[in-house]
């Protein structure tokens, strides 16, 4: 009982370890609100905020060159994911099979190093998100791609401009020196290759593909339910290291519960388009702050944003659709926990991501 209480208390615990700058908050708000405002003219408000959402939190701190490199890498990941989703998203069953293959490959490649771990997870997430939008809407996939990438490019340019201004103001400040010796690309590749000779090296891609496959199978029997939301939830919840009851899973489920209520309130208020953009700006601005402080609070904010991005948080959204997303999240959490338990039982020695 005490362990359960500590686990629940940990879900609400506030962290102050990571610093969040005013620039990050301002960039996140503008990077999502401005593209959403422009896309609102064509009734694609949700698509307009995906690019800013994808770039938020992906730019590394440090010199401008370091920031530009990390921003460019994140943009490349989004271009690749959105491009594949827009090209294959309307292929029906072939897309579902292709998604499993691509996600499996991404899961394997993600074991290269820590940076690749984050990049592969973002890649799969936006592959699933954009693919779900393409397969369930009548909008031209080329238009979807253009709006998503346009918003991302705007976010990158905005961040670099503001970072350049700050660097100019602080030009006399000492730059951090990195003394840590990092493994070479060959060493990382050799470690990845060695890990794939053991079952533990395959546990993450197998768990990811099996969970996505289960969601695709459920879609065959329950086509009227929002399986794309379940797929997004499990991609967010499944970690490279399996745990019996991850704290992140508890936080995500509780956060979505409150987030669905917030999305329902926004739907009930029937706000005009300009007010929707203001809501996007507010939620987008507070997003990086909450992400660094508490994942549960972050999940509450992300739920209505993700619904807007997928075109489901409109003014005619019924309560049944909101509950559908809540049930989909609970289903995804249970599925991840079940697969984690099986992995821990059959593969006790799990492989850690390369440093």
Foldseek 3Di string as FASTA:
>chain_A
DVVVVVLVVVQVAWDDPDDDDLLLLQLLLCLQLVLLVVCVVVPQSLLLRLLSVQQRPQADDFDLVSRLVSLVLSLVLLLVLLVVLLVCLQVPPVSLVVLLVLLLVLLLQCLLFVNSVVSSLSSSLSNLLNSLLNNPDPDRSVVSSCSNSVSNVVSSVSSSVVVVVVCVVVVVDDTDDDPDDDDDSVVSVVVSVVLVVDPQSNLQSVLLSVLSVVLVVVCVVVVVFDSSLLNSLLSVVADLAFDLQDSLLVLLLLLLVLLLVVLVVVLQVQDDSSVVSVLSSVLSSCLVVCVNIHSSPNNSSVNNSSCSNSVNSHNPRDPVNSVSSSVSNVVSSVSSSVSSVVCCVVPVDHDDRHD
